[in-house]
Amino acid sequence: GLVQPGGSLRLSCVASGIIFSSATMGWFRQGP
């Protein structure tokens, strides 16, 4: 979402179709 500088957000990612505890999980980003 939209947040002001200095603010906070929490992202979530729900997985299905895998044994989640056996997966290495990561976050990536792509800026403009």
Full PDB file with SEQRES, HELIX, SHEET, SSBOND, CRYST1, ORIGX, SCALE, CONECT and MASTER records, all heavy atoms in Angstrom:
SEQRES   1 A   32  GLY LEU VAL GLN PRO GLY GLY SER LEU ARG LEU SER CYS          
SEQRES   2 A   32  VAL ALA SER GLY ILE ILE PHE SER SER ALA THR MET GLY          
SEQRES   3 A   32  TRP PHE ARG GLN GLY PRO                                      
HELIX    1 AA1 PHE A   20  SER A   22  5                                   3    
CRYST1    1.000    1.000    1.000  90.00  90.00  90.00 P 1           1          
ORIGX1      1.000000  0.000000  0.000000        0.00000                         
ORIGX2      0.000000  1.000000  0.000000        0.00000                         
ORIGX3      0.000000  0.000000  1.000000        0.00000                         
SCALE1      1.000000  0.000000  0.000000        0.00000                         
SCALE2      0.000000  1.000000  0.000000        0.00000                         
SCALE3      0.000000  0.000000  1.000000        0.00000                         
ATOM      1  N   GLY A   1       0.820  -1.200   0.000  1.00  0.00           N  
ATOM      2  CA  GLY A   1       0.000   0.000   0.000  1.00  0.00           C  
ATOM      3  C   GLY A   1       0.850   1.245   0.000  1.00  0.00           C  
ATOM      4  O   GLY A   1       2.058   1.196  -0.252  1.00  0.00           O  
ATOM      5  N   LEU A   2       0.188   2.351   0.290  1.00  0.00           N  
ATOM      6  CA  LEU A   2       0.837   3.664   0.348  1.00  0.00           C  
ATOM      7  C   LEU A   2       1.115   4.019   1.802  1.00  0.00           C  
ATOM      8  O   LEU A   2       0.204   3.923   2.648  1.00  0.00           O  
ATOM      9  CB  LEU A   2      -0.062   4.719  -0.290  1.00  0.00           C  
ATOM     10  CG  LEU A   2       0.392   6.170  -0.184  1.00  0.00           C  
ATOM     11  CD1 LEU A   2       1.704   6.378  -0.945  1.00  0.00           C  
ATOM     12  CD2 LEU A   2      -0.699   7.104  -0.715  1.00  0.00           C  
ATOM     13  N   VAL A   3       2.339   4.420   2.090  1.00  0.00           N  
ATOM     14  CA  VAL A   3       2.715   4.775   3.455  1.00  0.00           C  
ATOM     15  C   VAL A   3       3.650   5.980   3.406  1.00  0.00           C  
ATOM     16  O   VAL A   3       4.391   6.159   2.434  1.00  0.00           O  
ATOM     17  CB  VAL A   3       3.381   3.572   4.162  1.00  0.00           C  
ATOM     18  CG1 VAL A   3       4.677   3.175   3.471  1.00  0.00           C  
ATOM     19  CG2 VAL A   3       3.608   3.844   5.636  1.00  0.00           C  
ATOM     20  N   GLN A   4       3.606   6.786   4.443  1.00  0.00           N  
ATOM     21  CA  GLN A   4       4.473   7.959   4.511  1.00  0.00           C  
ATOM     22  C   GLN A   4       5.887   7.559   4.932  1.00  0.00           C  
ATOM     23  O   GLN A   4       6.070   6.529   5.609  1.00  0.00           O  
ATOM     24  CB  GLN A   4       3.907   8.973   5.495  1.00  0.00           C  
ATOM     25  CG  GLN A   4       2.611   9.613   5.040  1.00  0.00           C  
ATOM     26  CD  GLN A   4       2.178  10.738   5.969  1.00  0.00           C  
ATOM     27  OE1 GLN A   4       2.624  10.834   7.110  1.00  0.00           O  
ATOM     28  NE2 GLN A   4       1.307  11.596   5.469  1.00  0.00           N  
ATOM     29  N   PRO A   5       6.869   8.350   4.558  1.00  0.00           N  
ATOM     30  CA  PRO A   5       8.236   8.078   5.025  1.00  0.00           C  
ATOM     31  C   PRO A   5       8.281   7.974   6.546  1.00  0.00           C  
ATOM     32  O   PRO A   5       7.636   8.765   7.252  1.00  0.00           O  
ATOM     33  CB  PRO A   5       9.027   9.287   4.523  1.00  0.00           C  
ATOM     34  CG  PRO A   5       8.273   9.737   3.315  1.00  0.00           C  
ATOM     35  CD  PRO A   5       6.822   9.499   3.633  1.00  0.00           C  
ATOM     36  N   GLY A   6       9.026   6.981   7.023  1.00  0.00           N  
ATOM     37  CA  GLY A   6       9.108   6.733   8.455  1.00  0.00           C  
ATOM     38  C   GLY A   6       8.060   5.758   8.965  1.00  0.00           C  
ATOM     39  O   GLY A   6       8.140   5.312  10.120  1.00  0.00           O  
ATOM     40  N   GLY A   7       7.097   5.425   8.135  1.00  0.00           N  
ATOM     41  CA  GLY A   7       6.030   4.520   8.530  1.00  0.00           C  
ATOM     42  C   GLY A   7       6.408   3.063   8.421  1.00  0.00           C  
ATOM     43  O   GLY A   7       7.558   2.721   8.091  1.00  0.00           O  
ATOM     44  N   SER A   8       5.421   2.210   8.696  1.00  0.00           N  
ATOM     45  CA  SER A   8       5.640   0.761   8.698  1.00  0.00           C  
ATOM     46  C   SER A   8       4.547   0.050   7.905  1.00  0.00           C  
ATOM     47  O   SER A   8       3.418   0.555   7.784  1.00  0.00           O  
ATOM     48  CB  SER A   8       5.622   0.222  10.139  1.00  0.00           C  
ATOM     49  OG  SER A   8       6.666   0.773  10.909  1.00  0.00           O  
ATOM     50  N   LEU A   9       4.922  -1.091   7.380  1.00  0.00           N  
ATOM     51  CA  LEU A   9       3.981  -2.001   6.727  1.00  0.00           C  
ATOM     52  C   LEU A   9       4.418  -3.430   7.025  1.00  0.00           C  
ATOM     53  O   LEU A   9       5.617  -3.678   7.227  1.00  0.00           O  
ATOM     54  CB  LEU A   9       3.962  -1.809   5.205  1.00  0.00           C  
ATOM     55  CG  LEU A   9       3.167  -0.670   4.580  1.00  0.00           C  
ATOM     56  CD1 LEU A   9       3.397  -0.646   3.075  1.00  0.00           C  
ATOM     57  CD2 LEU A   9       1.693  -0.768   4.899  1.00  0.00           C  
ATOM     58  N   ARG A  10       3.458  -4.335   7.010  1.00  0.00           N  
ATOM     59  CA  ARG A  10       3.795  -5.751   7.117  1.00  0.00           C  
ATOM     60  C   ARG A  10       3.227  -6.491   5.913  1.00  0.00           C  
ATOM     61  O   ARG A  10       2.010  -6.471   5.684  1.00  0.00           O  
ATOM     62  CB  ARG A  10       3.269  -6.379   8.403  1.00  0.00           C  
ATOM     63  CG  ARG A  10       3.808  -7.807   8.594  1.00  0.00           C  
ATOM     64  CD  ARG A  10       3.394  -8.442   9.902  1.00  0.00           C  
ATOM     65  NE  ARG A  10       2.047  -8.999   9.855  1.00  0.00           N  
ATOM     66  CZ  ARG A  10       1.635  -9.990  10.627  1.00  0.00           C  
ATOM     67  NH1 ARG A  10       2.474 -10.551  11.507  1.00  0.00           N  
ATOM     68  NH2 ARG A  10       0.395 -10.424  10.552  1.00  0.00           N  
ATOM     69  N   LEU A  11       4.105  -7.124   5.176  1.00  0.00           N  
ATOM     70  CA  LEU A  11       3.698  -7.942   4.044  1.00  0.00           C  
ATOM     71  C   LEU A  11       3.542  -9.395   4.482  1.00  0.00           C  
ATOM     72  O   LEU A  11       4.272  -9.868   5.361  1.00  0.00           O  
ATOM     73  CB  LEU A  11       4.729  -7.863   2.920  1.00  0.00           C  
ATOM     74  CG  LEU A  11       5.112  -6.472   2.422  1.00  0.00           C  
ATOM     75  CD1 LEU A  11       6.100  -6.585   1.263  1.00  0.00           C  
ATOM     76  CD2 LEU A  11       3.895  -5.671   2.021  1.00  0.00           C  
ATOM     77  N   SER A  12       2.602 -10.076   3.846  1.00  0.00           N  
ATOM     78  CA  SER A  12       2.390 -11.500   4.098  1.00  0.00           C  
ATOM     79  C   SER A  12       2.433 -12.258   2.779  1.00  0.00           C  
ATOM     80  O   SER A  12       2.060 -11.721   1.739  1.00  0.00           O  
ATOM     81  CB  SER A  12       1.036 -11.737   4.763  1.00  0.00           C  
ATOM     82  OG  SER A  12       0.931 -11.056   5.987  1.00  0.00           O  
ATOM     83  N   CYS A  13       2.857 -13.493   2.847  1.00  0.00           N  
ATOM     84  CA  CYS A  13       2.869 -14.366   1.669  1.00  0.00           C  
ATOM     85  C   CYS A  13       2.433 -15.752   2.122  1.00  0.00           C  
ATOM     86  O   CYS A  13       3.117 -16.378   2.944  1.00  0.00           O  
ATOM     87  CB  CYS A  13       4.246 -14.408   1.045  1.00  0.00           C  
ATOM     88  SG  CYS A  13       4.438 -15.650  -0.268  1.00  0.00           S  
ATOM     89  N   VAL A  14       1.299 -16.186   1.588  1.00  0.00           N  
ATOM     90  CA  VAL A  14       0.773 -17.507   1.921  1.00  0.00           C  
ATOM     91  C   VAL A  14       1.096 -18.470   0.786  1.00  0.00           C  
ATOM     92  O   VAL A  14       0.809 -18.177  -0.385  1.00  0.00           O  
ATOM     93  CB  VAL A  14      -0.743 -17.459   2.151  1.00  0.00           C  
ATOM     94  CG1 VAL A  14      -1.260 -18.834   2.506  1.00  0.00           C  
ATOM     95  CG2 VAL A  14      -1.084 -16.459   3.254  1.00  0.00           C  
ATOM     96  N   ALA A  15       1.673 -19.600   1.140  1.00  0.00           N  
ATOM     97  CA  ALA A  15       2.075 -20.592   0.146  1.00  0.00           C  
ATOM     98  C   ALA A  15       1.166 -21.807   0.195  1.00  0.00           C  
ATOM     99  O   ALA A  15       0.697 -22.202   1.272  1.00  0.00           O  
ATOM    100  CB  ALA A  15       3.516 -21.021   0.396  1.00  0.00           C  
ATOM    101  N   SER A  16       0.937 -22.402  -0.968  1.00  0.00           N  
ATOM    102  CA  SER A  16       0.197 -23.660  -1.060  1.00  0.00           C  
ATOM    103  C   SER A  16       0.850 -24.524  -2.138  1.00  0.00           C  
ATOM    104  O   SER A  16       1.533 -24.017  -3.024  1.00  0.00           O  
ATOM    105  CB  SER A  16      -1.270 -23.406  -1.375  1.00  0.00           C  
ATOM    106  OG  SER A  16      -1.410 -22.723  -2.603  1.00  0.00           O  
ATOM    107  N   GLY A  17       0.646 -25.823  -2.012  1.00  0.00           N  
ATOM    108  CA  GLY A  17       1.195 -26.739  -3.012  1.00  0.00           C  
ATOM    109  C   GLY A  17       2.613 -27.200  -2.724  1.00  0.00           C  
ATOM    110  O   GLY A  17       3.201 -27.903  -3.556  1.00  0.00           O  
ATOM    111  N   ILE A  18       3.176 -26.772  -1.597  1.00  0.00           N  
ATOM    112  CA  ILE A  18       4.510 -27.203  -1.187  1.00  0.00           C  
ATOM    113  C   ILE A  18       4.480 -27.580   0.290  1.00  0.00           C  
ATOM    114  O   ILE A  18       3.544 -27.222   1.007  1.00  0.00           O  
ATOM    115  CB  ILE A  18       5.578 -26.100  -1.392  1.00  0.00           C  
ATOM    116  CG1 ILE A  18       5.247 -24.844  -0.572  1.00  0.00           C  
ATOM    117  CG2 ILE A  18       5.733 -25.767  -2.866  1.00  0.00           C  
ATOM    118  CD1 ILE A  18       6.333 -23.780  -0.586  1.00  0.00           C  
ATOM    119  N   ILE A  19       5.513 -28.306   0.712  1.00  0.00           N  
ATOM    120  CA  ILE A  19       5.699 -28.539   2.145  1.00  0.00           C  
ATOM    121  C   ILE A  19       6.461 -27.321   2.662  1.00  0.00           C  
ATOM    122  O   ILE A  19       7.680 -27.220   2.515  1.00  0.00           O  
ATOM    123  CB  ILE A  19       6.462 -29.841   2.407  1.00  0.00           C  
ATOM    124  CG1 ILE A  19       5.688 -31.017   1.821  1.00  0.00           C  
ATOM    125  CG2 ILE A  19       6.684 -30.036   3.916  1.00  0.00           C  
ATOM    126  CD1 ILE A  19       6.420 -32.348   1.899  1.00  0.00           C  
ATOM    127  N   PHE A  20       5.711 -26.385   3.222  1.00  0.00           N  
ATOM    128  CA  PHE A  20       6.250 -25.053   3.532  1.00  0.00           C  
ATOM    129  C   PHE A  20       7.482 -25.134   4.416  1.00  0.00           C  
ATOM    130  O   PHE A  20       8.446 -24.394   4.208  1.00  0.00           O  
ATOM    131  CB  PHE A  20       5.159 -24.219   4.205  1.00  0.00           C  
ATOM    132  CG  PHE A  20       5.557 -22.799   4.470  1.00  0.00           C  
ATOM    133  CD1 PHE A  20       5.523 -21.862   3.445  1.00  0.00           C  
ATOM    134  CD2 PHE A  20       5.966 -22.385   5.739  1.00  0.00           C  
ATOM    135  CE1 PHE A  20       5.893 -20.547   3.679  1.00  0.00           C  
ATOM    136  CE2 PHE A  20       6.332 -21.083   5.979  1.00  0.00           C  
ATOM    137  CZ  PHE A  20       6.298 -20.154   4.949  1.00  0.00           C  
ATOM    138  N   SER A  21       7.476 -26.028   5.397  1.00  0.00           N  
ATOM    139  CA  SER A  21       8.600 -26.103   6.333  1.00  0.00           C  
ATOM    140  C   SER A  21       9.883 -26.571   5.651  1.00  0.00           C  
ATOM    141  O   SER A  21      10.968 -26.421   6.218  1.00  0.00           O  
ATOM    142  CB  SER A  21       8.253 -27.044   7.489  1.00  0.00           C  
ATOM    143  OG  SER A  21       7.953 -28.339   7.001  1.00  0.00           O  
ATOM    144  N   SER A  22       9.786 -27.089   4.448  1.00  0.00           N  
ATOM    145  CA  SER A  22      10.949 -27.557   3.699  1.00  0.00           C  
ATOM    146  C   SER A  22      11.419 -26.545   2.659  1.00  0.00           C  
ATOM    147  O   SER A  22      12.312 -26.851   1.854  1.00  0.00           O  
ATOM    148  CB  SER A  22      10.634 -28.880   2.987  1.00  0.00           C  
ATOM    149  OG  SER A  22      10.336 -29.903   3.923  1.00  0.00           O  
ATOM    150  N   ALA A  23      10.827 -25.364   2.649  1.00  0.00           N  
ATOM    151  CA  ALA A  23      11.163 -24.350   1.653  1.00  0.00           C  
ATOM    152  C   ALA A  23      11.908 -23.187   2.289  1.00  0.00           C  
ATOM    153  O   ALA A  23      11.525 -22.705   3.359  1.00  0.00           O  
ATOM    154  CB  ALA A  23       9.900 -23.839   0.979  1.00  0.00           C  
ATOM    155  N   THR A  24      12.950 -22.753   1.617  1.00  0.00           N  
ATOM    156  CA  THR A  24      13.575 -21.484   1.984  1.00  0.00           C  
ATOM    157  C   THR A  24      12.734 -20.368   1.383  1.00  0.00           C  
ATOM    158  O   THR A  24      12.402 -20.409   0.196  1.00  0.00           O  
ATOM    159  CB  THR A  24      15.013 -21.404   1.454  1.00  0.00           C  
ATOM    160  OG1 THR A  24      15.835 -22.315   2.195  1.00  0.00           O  
ATOM    161  CG2 THR A  24      15.586 -20.006   1.607  1.00  0.00           C  
ATOM    162  N   MET A  25      12.377 -19.396   2.205  1.00  0.00           N  
ATOM    163  CA  MET A  25      11.467 -18.329   1.766  1.00  0.00           C  
ATOM    164  C   MET A  25      12.199 -16.993   1.728  1.00  0.00           C  
ATOM    165  O   MET A  25      12.990 -16.682   2.620  1.00  0.00           O  
ATOM    166  CB  MET A  25      10.284 -18.235   2.712  1.00  0.00           C  
ATOM    167  CG  MET A  25       9.446 -19.504   2.797  1.00  0.00           C  
ATOM    168  SD  MET A  25       8.760 -20.005   1.210  1.00  0.00           S  
ATOM    169  CE  MET A  25       7.709 -18.604   0.817  1.00  0.00           C  
ATOM    170  N   GLY A  26      11.895 -16.234   0.696  1.00  0.00           N  
ATOM    171  CA  GLY A  26      12.558 -14.945   0.562  1.00  0.00           C  
ATOM    172  C   GLY A  26      11.632 -13.866   0.036  1.00  0.00           C  
ATOM    173  O   GLY A  26      10.559 -14.149  -0.507  1.00  0.00           O  
ATOM    174  N   TRP A  27      12.058 -12.633   0.245  1.00  0.00           N  
ATOM    175  CA  TRP A  27      11.391 -11.463  -0.315  1.00  0.00           C  
ATOM    176  C   TRP A  27      12.364 -10.749  -1.239  1.00  0.00           C  
ATOM    177  O   TRP A  27      13.537 -10.547  -0.888  1.00  0.00           O  
ATOM    178  CB  TRP A  27      10.939 -10.503   0.787  1.00  0.00           C  
ATOM    179  CG  TRP A  27       9.769 -10.990   1.577  1.00  0.00           C  
ATOM    180  CD1 TRP A  27       9.808 -11.645   2.780  1.00  0.00           C  
ATOM    181  CD2 TRP A  27       8.390 -10.857   1.223  1.00  0.00           C  
ATOM    182  NE1 TRP A  27       8.532 -11.939   3.195  1.00  0.00           N  
ATOM    183  CE2 TRP A  27       7.633 -11.458   2.262  1.00  0.00           C  
ATOM    184  CE3 TRP A  27       7.706 -10.299   0.146  1.00  0.00           C  
ATOM    185  CZ2 TRP A  27       6.244 -11.497   2.248  1.00  0.00           C  
ATOM    186  CZ3 TRP A  27       6.329 -10.341   0.136  1.00  0.00           C  
ATOM    187  CH2 TRP A  27       5.604 -10.935   1.168  1.00  0.00           C  
ATOM    188  N   PHE A  28      11.856 -10.372  -2.389  1.00  0.00           N  
ATOM    189  CA  PHE A  28      12.600  -9.598  -3.370  1.00  0.00           C  
ATOM    190  C   PHE A  28      11.796  -8.350  -3.693  1.00  0.00           C  
ATOM    191  O   PHE A  28      10.603  -8.267  -3.379  1.00  0.00           O  
ATOM    192  CB  PHE A  28      12.813 -10.412  -4.647  1.00  0.00           C  
ATOM    193  CG  PHE A  28      13.752 -11.570  -4.495  1.00  0.00           C  
ATOM    194  CD1 PHE A  28      13.390 -12.705  -3.783  1.00  0.00           C  
ATOM    195  CD2 PHE A  28      15.015 -11.553  -5.082  1.00  0.00           C  
ATOM    196  CE1 PHE A  28      14.252 -13.781  -3.633  1.00  0.00           C  
ATOM    197  CE2 PHE A  28      15.887 -12.624  -4.948  1.00  0.00           C  
ATOM    198  CZ  PHE A  28      15.500 -13.732  -4.227  1.00  0.00           C  
ATOM    199  N   ARG A  29      12.428  -7.400  -4.343  1.00  0.00           N  
ATOM    200  CA  ARG A  29      11.688  -6.213  -4.773  1.00  0.00           C  
ATOM    201  C   ARG A  29      12.263  -5.705  -6.081  1.00  0.00           C  
ATOM    202  O   ARG A  29      13.441  -5.930  -6.397  1.00  0.00           O  
ATOM    203  CB  ARG A  29      11.727  -5.115  -3.707  1.00  0.00           C  
ATOM    204  CG  ARG A  29      13.101  -4.481  -3.479  1.00  0.00           C  
ATOM    205  CD  ARG A  29      13.030  -3.512  -2.325  1.00  0.00           C  
ATOM    206  NE  ARG A  29      14.322  -2.858  -2.098  1.00  0.00           N  
ATOM    207  CZ  ARG A  29      14.557  -2.043  -1.065  1.00  0.00           C  
ATOM    208  NH1 ARG A  29      13.604  -1.785  -0.176  1.00  0.00           N  
ATOM    209  NH2 ARG A  29      15.750  -1.495  -0.928  1.00  0.00           N  
ATOM    210  N   GLN A  30      11.403  -4.999  -6.806  1.00  0.00           N  
ATOM    211  CA  GLN A  30      11.816  -4.371  -8.055  1.00  0.00           C  
ATOM    212  C   GLN A  30      11.256  -2.966  -8.099  1.00  0.00           C  
ATOM    213  O   GLN A  30      10.034  -2.772  -8.203  1.00  0.00           O  
ATOM    214  CB  GLN A  30      11.329  -5.174  -9.262  1.00  0.00           C  
ATOM    215  CG  GLN A  30      11.886  -4.680 -10.585  1.00  0.00           C  
ATOM    216  CD  GLN A  30      11.691  -5.690 -11.706  1.00  0.00           C  
ATOM    217  OE1 GLN A  30      10.932  -6.657 -11.575  1.00  0.00           O  
ATOM    218  NE2 GLN A  30      12.382  -5.492 -12.809  1.00  0.00           N  
ATOM    219  N   GLY A  31      12.162  -2.003  -7.985  1.00  0.00           N  
ATOM    220  CA  GLY A  31      11.761  -0.608  -8.044  1.00  0.00           C  
ATOM    221  C   GLY A  31      11.645  -0.121  -9.471  1.00  0.00           C  
ATOM    222  O   GLY A  31      12.097  -0.788 -10.406  1.00  0.00           O  
ATOM    223  N   PRO A  32      11.071   1.059  -9.673  1.00  0.00           N  
ATOM    224  CA  PRO A  32      10.897   1.612 -11.017  1.00  0.00           C  
ATOM    225  C   PRO A  32      12.231   1.733 -11.749  1.00  0.00           C  
ATOM    226  O   PRO A  32      13.164   2.369 -11.237  1.00  0.00           O  
ATOM    227  CB  PRO A  32      10.282   2.983 -10.755  1.00  0.00           C  
ATOM    228  CG  PRO A  32       9.698   2.908  -9.399  1.00  0.00           C  
ATOM    229  CD  PRO A  32      10.539   1.945  -8.630  1.00  0.00           C  
TER     230      PRO A  32                                                      
MASTER        0    0    0    1    0    0    0    6  229    1    0    3          
END                                                                             
